[in-house]
Amino acid sequence: MIQKFERLKRTLVRRTSILDYCEDTLRRPDGKIVRYDMMLHKGGAAIVPVMDDGSIIMVHQYRASVERVTTEIPAGSRNGLNETYERAAARELEEEIGYKPGKLSHLITIDTAIAYCTEKIEVYVAENLVKTKQHLDEDEFVDVETYSLSSLLQMIQKGEIRDSKTIASLLAYNAFHKV
């Protein structure tokens, strides 16, 4: 049985608007002291927005980390630790695609990079969508497009969708919400 590691110390290396970079000093079960790089994140919400006809609204945006435009479900970070994940989901939905959810139900929880980051994403399904207006952040450039679930699953299979939260969320939606 694997025993728990003991954190002896956490040192903040750098604070950014999105992440805190830390160095953790841990004692392993065998007593050896080791250091781990750790990124602390306030968590985020992602949404599978389902139209009345069953189609799903996706966003296209440029991601500098992979140097290309990606196809993703709408998502974003919480505005601080006091914002609930559900509130963040509703806010991000309206900001990114210009819809409010009539019904918002929890789908899955994703730990995005458990080896070095505390980011947790709560994923919701939004239904009974009410059209409003996009409220993009000043640094966001997002195009919106609607797809059938079957075409999105094909895009995953072909490697056209590679974002992990989007893949996990669409596969979970497909498994748990028979259309």
Protein backbone atom coordinates (compact mmCIF):
# COMPACT_ATOMS: atom_id res chain seq x y z
CA MET A 1 0.00 0.00 0.00
CA ILE A 2 1.33 3.45 -0.91
CA GLN A 3 1.72 5.68 2.09
CA LYS A 4 1.06 9.38 2.13
CA PHE A 5 3.87 11.84 1.51
CA GLU A 6 4.22 14.59 4.13
CA ARG A 7 4.55 18.21 2.97
CA LEU A 8 7.19 19.91 5.09
CA LYS A 9 7.25 23.27 3.35
CA ARG A 10 5.73 25.19 0.43
CA THR A 11 7.71 28.12 -0.97
CA LEU A 12 6.09 30.61 -3.31
CA VAL A 13 8.45 31.18 -6.25
CA ARG A 14 6.27 33.44 -8.42
CA ARG A 15 2.69 34.69 -8.38
CA THR A 16 0.85 35.42 -11.65
CA SER A 17 -2.72 36.36 -12.46
CA ILE A 18 -3.55 32.71 -13.23
CA LEU A 19 -1.12 30.54 -11.26
CA ASP A 20 1.13 30.53 -8.22
CA TYR A 21 4.40 28.71 -8.88
CA CYS A 22 5.66 26.96 -5.76
CA GLU A 23 8.34 24.55 -4.66
CA ASP A 24 7.13 21.89 -2.25
CA THR A 25 9.47 20.08 0.10
CA LEU A 26 8.07 16.62 0.91
CA ARG A 27 9.08 13.65 3.03
CA ARG A 28 8.51 10.40 1.16
CA PRO A 29 7.27 7.30 3.02
CA ASP A 30 10.87 6.01 3.08
CA GLY A 31 11.97 9.20 4.90
CA LYS A 32 13.84 10.79 1.97
CA ILE A 33 13.28 14.55 1.53
CA VAL A 34 12.41 15.57 -2.05
CA ARG A 35 11.36 18.73 -3.86
CA TYR A 36 8.48 19.07 -6.31
CA ASP A 37 7.49 21.93 -8.58
CA MET A 38 3.85 22.79 -8.04
CA MET A 39 1.43 25.17 -9.69
CA LEU A 40 -1.55 26.33 -7.64
CA HIS A 41 -4.70 27.25 -9.56
CA LYS A 42 -8.04 28.61 -8.30
CA GLY A 43 -10.00 26.16 -10.45
CA GLY A 44 -12.32 26.63 -13.36
CA ALA A 45 -15.57 25.66 -14.96
CA ALA A 46 -16.34 24.26 -18.41
CA ILE A 47 -19.66 23.87 -20.13
CA VAL A 48 -21.18 21.55 -22.74
CA PRO A 49 -23.82 23.94 -24.17
CA VAL A 50 -26.60 21.92 -25.78
CA MET A 51 -29.10 23.59 -28.11
CA ASP A 52 -32.75 22.45 -28.20
CA ASP A 53 -32.01 20.41 -31.35
CA GLY A 54 -29.19 18.52 -29.57
CA SER A 55 -26.34 20.36 -31.29
CA ILE A 56 -23.44 21.62 -29.18
CA ILE A 57 -21.95 25.11 -29.28
CA MET A 58 -18.15 25.15 -29.47
CA VAL A 59 -15.60 27.94 -29.44
CA HIS A 60 -12.60 28.42 -31.70
CA GLN A 61 -9.70 30.38 -30.27
CA TYR A 62 -5.98 30.78 -30.75
CA ARG A 63 -3.90 29.10 -28.05
CA ALA A 64 -0.31 30.33 -27.86
CA SER A 65 0.86 27.21 -26.00
CA VAL A 66 0.13 25.01 -29.03
CA GLU A 67 0.42 27.80 -31.64
CA ARG A 68 -2.88 27.09 -33.36
CA VAL A 69 -6.60 27.71 -33.28
CA THR A 70 -8.38 25.09 -31.19
CA THR A 71 -11.96 23.84 -31.00
CA GLU A 72 -13.10 23.67 -27.37
CA ILE A 73 -16.11 23.77 -25.12
CA PRO A 74 -16.52 27.16 -23.37
CA ALA A 75 -14.51 27.35 -20.15
CA GLY A 76 -12.67 29.67 -17.82
CA SER A 77 -11.20 30.23 -14.39
CA ARG A 78 -13.17 31.16 -11.33
CA ASN A 79 -13.02 34.82 -10.31
CA GLY A 80 -11.37 33.95 -7.01
CA LEU A 81 -11.85 31.15 -4.53
CA ASN A 82 -15.20 32.52 -3.33
CA GLU A 83 -16.91 32.21 -6.73
CA THR A 84 -18.78 28.93 -6.97
CA TYR A 85 -18.00 26.65 -9.90
CA GLU A 86 -21.63 26.79 -11.00
CA ARG A 87 -21.59 30.60 -11.03
CA ALA A 88 -18.32 30.56 -12.98
CA ALA A 89 -19.89 28.19 -15.52
CA ALA A 90 -22.92 30.45 -16.08
CA ARG A 91 -20.69 33.54 -16.32
CA GLU A 92 -18.26 31.95 -18.77
CA LEU A 93 -21.11 30.63 -20.92
CA GLU A 94 -22.51 34.11 -21.40
CA GLU A 95 -19.10 35.75 -21.78
CA GLU A 96 -17.84 33.34 -24.43
CA ILE A 97 -20.90 32.36 -26.47
CA GLY A 98 -23.65 34.80 -25.50
CA TYR A 99 -26.13 32.43 -23.86
CA LYS A 100 -27.52 32.01 -20.36
CA PRO A 101 -28.38 28.50 -19.20
CA GLY A 102 -32.01 27.71 -18.42
CA LYS A 103 -30.77 24.50 -16.81
CA LEU A 104 -27.22 23.79 -15.60
CA SER A 105 -26.33 20.29 -14.36
CA HIS A 106 -22.99 18.92 -13.20
CA LEU A 107 -21.38 16.40 -15.56
CA ILE A 108 -17.86 15.53 -14.33
CA THR A 109 -14.86 16.82 -12.37
CA ILE A 110 -11.44 16.92 -14.05
CA ASP A 111 -8.05 17.26 -12.36
CA THR A 112 -6.17 18.65 -15.35
CA ALA A 113 -2.51 17.98 -14.59
CA ILE A 114 -2.26 16.05 -11.34
CA ALA A 115 1.51 15.58 -11.47
CA TYR A 116 2.26 19.29 -10.97
CA CYS A 117 -0.90 21.44 -10.84
CA THR A 118 -3.90 21.81 -8.51
CA GLU A 119 -6.27 22.96 -11.27
CA LYS A 120 -9.69 21.35 -10.99
CA ILE A 121 -12.36 21.91 -13.62
CA GLU A 122 -16.01 21.30 -12.83
CA VAL A 123 -17.87 20.51 -16.07
CA TYR A 124 -21.56 21.28 -16.52
CA VAL A 125 -24.17 20.62 -19.18
CA ALA A 126 -26.14 23.75 -20.09
CA GLU A 127 -29.60 23.27 -21.60
CA ASN A 128 -32.64 25.45 -22.35
CA LEU A 129 -30.24 28.14 -23.52
CA VAL A 130 -31.42 31.74 -23.66
CA LYS A 131 -29.70 34.00 -26.22
CA THR A 132 -28.07 37.12 -24.76
CA LYS A 133 -24.83 38.76 -25.90
CA GLN A 134 -21.15 37.79 -25.78
CA HIS A 135 -19.04 39.67 -23.23
CA LEU A 136 -15.50 38.64 -24.21
CA ASP A 137 -12.54 39.71 -22.09
CA GLU A 138 -10.35 42.27 -23.88
CA ASP A 139 -7.71 39.62 -24.63
CA GLU A 140 -10.22 37.03 -25.93
CA PHE A 141 -10.84 36.48 -29.63
CA VAL A 142 -13.43 33.72 -29.97
CA ASP A 143 -15.48 32.39 -32.87
CA VAL A 144 -18.56 30.30 -32.09
CA GLU A 145 -19.82 27.33 -34.12
CA THR A 146 -22.47 24.66 -33.59
CA TYR A 147 -21.81 20.95 -34.22
CA SER A 148 -23.65 17.68 -33.88
CA LEU A 149 -22.32 15.40 -31.17
CA SER A 150 -21.45 12.73 -33.76
CA SER A 151 -19.33 15.19 -35.76
CA LEU A 152 -17.51 16.26 -32.57
CA LEU A 153 -16.78 12.63 -31.69
CA GLN A 154 -15.38 12.13 -35.20
CA MET A 155 -13.21 15.24 -34.76
CA ILE A 156 -11.83 13.73 -31.55
CA GLN A 157 -11.08 10.45 -33.31
CA LYS A 158 -9.33 12.25 -36.18
CA GLY A 159 -7.19 14.28 -33.77
CA GLU A 160 -8.83 17.57 -34.76
CA ILE A 161 -9.93 18.17 -31.16
CA ARG A 162 -7.02 17.62 -28.78
CA ASP A 163 -7.96 19.71 -25.75
CA SER A 164 -8.22 17.31 -22.80
CA LYS A 165 -11.14 19.01 -20.99
CA THR A 166 -13.11 19.08 -24.23
CA ILE A 167 -12.41 15.43 -25.04
CA ALA A 168 -13.25 14.23 -21.53
CA SER A 169 -16.38 16.35 -21.37
CA LEU A 170 -17.75 15.33 -24.77
CA LEU A 171 -17.05 11.64 -24.14
CA ALA A 172 -18.74 11.88 -20.72
CA TYR A 173 -21.70 13.69 -22.24
CA ASN A 174 -21.98 11.00 -24.89
CA ALA A 175 -21.80 8.24 -22.26
CA PHE A 176 -24.18 9.76 -19.72
CA HIS A 177 -26.68 11.68 -21.88
CA LYS A 178 -28.02 9.42 -24.60
CA VAL A 179 -29.26 11.65 -27.40
